[in-house]
Amino acid sequence: SQPVTGEWVFRLVASADTQGEYERGVGVFKPGNSGPPEHIHPSYDENFEIIEGDFIFKIDGKEQKASAGDKLRVPKGTPHTFRCAGSKAGAVIVESRPAARTGEVIASLFGLAHEGALTPQGQPKFLQAMVIGSEYADDTVFTNPPPSIAIPIAKALAPIARLLGYRPIYPRFADENFWSVRVEQPPKNQ
């Protein structure tokens, strides 16, 4: 869970289960959740299936509404974002083909949110963002500032940030015990 932005995610199909062909998860967003900043995925397509609620997707500069039952495809390299636009929570199945690495980052960012280490908007602080941006430039790149500026800056500043203790992911957030004491999780195998 991400307590600042009101988001919950869980995995349905892991990359290891498909030999990296794809991975699939569910995201649940509180009403009015502003979603992620606009970004691209250089190495994989992303597919969305709306399960509940209303969303506004912005794909390649064009906004479109999506509601329960709607499916959208975002080809790799296409700028996109989305937000939960309705008065009730929204849920969406997200699939990446081939499998992405963003689950690692999401777990770390959500964990950092529980520790109070993100901005009031729920985003990583500057040096944390530089380490993540450098490590995951092949997976997810934000469009503002433009990647031609952001990636070289991240690559230049990431070594300094690492010396100061910042990491792209934090193994403690992959431990189920971290989450079991902070967030009510659904029961396993049900």
Protein backbone atom coordinates (compact mmCIF):
# COMPACT_ATOMS: atom_id res chain seq x y z
CA SER A 1 0.00 0.00 0.00
CA GLN A 2 1.02 3.61 -0.55
CA PRO A 3 -0.42 5.64 2.33
CA VAL A 4 0.34 9.07 0.85
CA THR A 5 -1.37 8.61 -2.53
CA GLY A 6 -3.93 5.94 -1.63
CA GLU A 7 -2.81 3.06 -3.82
CA TRP A 8 -2.62 -0.67 -3.32
CA VAL A 9 -0.98 -3.20 -5.63
CA PHE A 10 -0.57 -6.95 -5.70
CA ARG A 11 0.86 -9.45 -8.15
CA LEU A 12 -1.29 -11.93 -10.03
CA VAL A 13 1.37 -13.54 -12.26
CA ALA A 14 5.09 -13.17 -11.64
CA SER A 15 7.70 -12.83 -14.35
CA ALA A 16 9.36 -16.02 -13.12
CA ASP A 17 6.13 -17.94 -13.75
CA THR A 18 6.16 -16.98 -17.46
CA GLN A 19 9.94 -17.09 -18.10
CA GLY A 20 9.80 -13.31 -18.52
CA GLU A 21 7.16 -13.39 -21.26
CA TYR A 22 4.81 -11.21 -19.19
CA GLU A 23 3.75 -10.29 -15.68
CA ARG A 24 0.37 -9.19 -14.38
CA GLY A 25 -0.84 -7.35 -11.30
CA VAL A 26 -3.73 -5.38 -9.88
CA GLY A 27 -3.72 -1.74 -8.84
CA VAL A 28 -6.42 -0.23 -6.63
CA PHE A 29 -6.67 3.56 -6.44
CA LYS A 30 -8.65 5.74 -4.06
CA PRO A 31 -11.14 8.19 -5.62
CA GLY A 32 -9.36 11.21 -7.06
CA ASN A 33 -5.94 9.52 -7.08
CA SER A 34 -3.77 11.47 -9.53
CA GLY A 35 -1.86 8.42 -10.80
CA PRO A 36 1.77 8.31 -11.90
CA PRO A 37 3.56 11.17 -13.64
CA GLU A 38 3.58 10.80 -17.43
CA HIS A 39 6.18 8.22 -18.47
CA ILE A 40 7.29 5.78 -21.15
CA HIS A 41 8.41 2.18 -21.05
CA PRO A 42 11.24 1.77 -23.59
CA SER A 43 11.28 -2.02 -23.54
CA TYR A 44 7.73 -3.34 -23.07
CA ASP A 45 4.07 -2.86 -23.94
CA GLU A 46 1.59 -2.26 -21.14
CA ASN A 47 -2.00 -3.51 -21.17
CA PHE A 48 -4.75 -2.27 -18.85
CA GLU A 49 -8.12 -3.81 -18.07
CA ILE A 50 -10.44 -1.70 -15.94
CA ILE A 51 -12.18 -3.81 -13.30
CA GLU A 52 -13.92 -1.14 -11.24
CA GLY A 53 -14.35 2.63 -11.29
CA ASP A 54 -13.62 5.34 -13.80
CA PHE A 55 -10.21 6.39 -15.09
CA ILE A 56 -8.86 9.03 -17.42
CA PHE A 57 -5.92 7.76 -19.48
CA LYS A 58 -3.64 10.09 -21.38
CA ILE A 59 -1.88 8.11 -24.10
CA ASP A 60 0.40 9.86 -26.57
CA GLY A 61 -1.15 13.21 -25.67
CA LYS A 62 -4.78 12.12 -26.07
CA GLU A 63 -7.12 11.75 -23.10
CA GLN A 64 -9.79 9.07 -22.99
CA LYS A 65 -12.17 7.81 -20.32
CA ALA A 66 -12.04 4.15 -19.34
CA SER A 67 -14.52 2.28 -17.14
CA ALA A 68 -15.16 -1.27 -15.99
CA GLY A 69 -14.75 -3.69 -18.89
CA ASP A 70 -12.58 -1.36 -21.00
CA LYS A 71 -9.16 -2.53 -22.17
CA LEU A 72 -6.31 -0.30 -23.33
CA ARG A 73 -2.90 -1.08 -24.84
CA VAL A 74 0.09 1.22 -24.56
CA PRO A 75 2.89 0.27 -26.98
CA LYS A 76 6.46 0.55 -25.73
CA GLY A 77 7.91 4.04 -26.06
CA THR A 78 4.48 5.75 -25.87
CA PRO A 79 4.05 8.55 -23.29
CA HIS A 80 1.16 7.79 -20.95
CA THR A 81 -0.39 8.31 -17.54
CA PHE A 82 -3.76 7.72 -15.90
CA ARG A 83 -5.80 8.84 -12.93
CA CYS A 84 -8.80 7.53 -10.99
CA ALA A 85 -11.47 10.03 -12.01
CA GLY A 86 -14.60 8.72 -10.37
CA SER A 87 -16.19 9.21 -6.98
CA LYS A 88 -15.37 5.64 -5.96
CA ALA A 89 -12.19 3.59 -5.85
CA GLY A 90 -10.90 2.19 -9.12
CA ALA A 91 -9.21 -1.12 -9.83
CA VAL A 92 -7.22 -2.10 -12.90
CA ILE A 93 -5.32 -5.17 -14.05
CA VAL A 94 -1.96 -4.17 -15.51
CA GLU A 95 0.09 -6.50 -17.70
CA SER A 96 3.53 -5.86 -19.14
CA ARG A 97 4.88 -7.79 -22.15
CA PRO A 98 7.66 -8.75 -21.83
CA ALA A 99 7.81 -8.64 -18.04
CA ALA A 100 8.90 -5.35 -16.48
CA ARG A 101 11.04 -4.51 -13.46
CA THR A 102 8.73 -1.87 -12.02
CA GLY A 103 7.37 -4.15 -9.27
CA GLU A 104 10.72 -3.87 -7.48
CA VAL A 105 10.56 -0.09 -7.57
CA ILE A 106 6.91 0.06 -6.54
CA ALA A 107 7.61 -2.08 -3.45
CA SER A 108 10.49 0.20 -2.46
CA LEU A 109 8.58 3.42 -3.10
CA PHE A 110 5.55 2.19 -1.17
CA GLY A 111 7.83 1.09 1.68
CA LEU A 112 9.57 4.46 1.72
CA ALA A 113 6.13 6.08 1.91
CA HIS A 114 5.37 4.05 5.04
CA GLU A 115 8.64 5.30 6.53
CA GLY A 116 7.87 8.94 5.66
CA ALA A 117 10.78 9.18 3.20
CA LEU A 118 8.86 10.52 0.16
CA THR A 119 7.66 14.02 -0.69
CA PRO A 120 4.22 15.16 0.53
CA GLN A 121 2.96 14.25 -2.98
CA GLY A 122 4.22 10.67 -2.56
CA GLN A 123 7.14 11.01 -4.98
CA PRO A 124 10.79 10.11 -4.33
CA LYS A 125 13.01 12.91 -3.14
CA PHE A 126 15.62 14.23 -5.59
CA LEU A 127 18.62 11.97 -4.87
CA GLN A 128 16.38 8.92 -4.46
CA ALA A 129 14.86 9.72 -7.87
CA MET A 130 18.34 10.00 -9.42
CA VAL A 131 19.31 6.49 -8.26
CA ILE A 132 16.02 4.99 -9.46
CA GLY A 133 16.18 6.91 -12.75
CA SER A 134 19.70 5.73 -13.45
CA GLU A 135 19.03 2.08 -12.61
CA TYR A 136 15.66 1.79 -14.37
CA ALA A 137 16.19 3.90 -17.51
CA ASP A 138 15.60 0.74 -19.57
CA ASP A 139 12.24 0.11 -17.83
CA THR A 140 10.46 3.38 -16.98
CA VAL A 141 11.39 6.96 -17.92
CA PHE A 142 9.40 10.02 -16.92
CA THR A 143 8.74 12.59 -19.63
CA ASN A 144 9.30 15.71 -17.51
CA PRO A 145 12.06 16.72 -17.67
CA PRO A 146 12.61 15.20 -21.12
CA PRO A 147 14.50 11.87 -21.06
CA SER A 148 17.35 13.42 -23.08
CA ILE A 149 18.02 15.63 -20.05
CA ALA A 150 16.81 13.48 -17.15
CA ILE A 151 18.75 10.29 -17.95
CA PRO A 152 22.21 11.90 -18.23
CA ILE A 153 21.60 13.89 -15.04
CA ALA A 154 20.47 10.74 -13.22
CA LYS A 155 23.49 8.80 -14.47
CA ALA A 156 25.83 11.60 -13.32
CA LEU A 157 24.27 12.04 -9.85
CA ALA A 158 23.44 8.41 -9.02
CA PRO A 159 26.99 7.52 -7.87
CA ILE A 160 26.93 10.40 -5.39
CA ALA A 161 23.48 9.42 -4.17
CA ARG A 162 24.64 5.82 -3.72
CA LEU A 163 27.59 7.01 -1.62
CA LEU A 164 25.04 8.80 0.57
CA GLY A 165 23.12 5.53 1.07
CA TYR A 166 20.36 5.76 -1.52
CA ARG A 167 19.50 2.57 -3.41
CA PRO A 168 17.24 1.88 -6.41
CA ILE A 169 15.46 -0.81 -4.37
CA TYR A 170 15.57 -1.78 -0.72
CA PRO A 171 15.45 -5.51 0.09
CA ARG A 172 13.61 -4.90 3.38
CA PHE A 173 10.53 -3.94 1.38
CA ALA A 174 10.52 -7.32 -0.40
CA ASP A 175 10.13 -9.04 2.99
CA GLU A 176 6.51 -9.94 3.74
CA ASN A 177 7.15 -9.24 7.43
CA PHE A 178 7.61 -5.54 6.63
CA TRP A 179 4.13 -5.40 5.15
CA SER A 180 2.39 -7.69 7.64
CA VAL A 181 2.97 -5.19 10.47
CA ARG A 182 2.01 -2.11 8.44
CA VAL A 183 -0.83 -3.03 6.14
CA GLU A 184 -3.68 -5.47 6.33
CA GLN A 185 -2.92 -7.86 3.51
CA PRO A 186 -5.31 -10.29 1.86
CA PRO A 187 -4.95 -13.88 3.10
CA LYS A 188 -2.65 -16.10 1.07
CA ASN A 189 -4.03 -18.76 -1.28
CA GLN A 190 -7.58 -17.43 -1.22
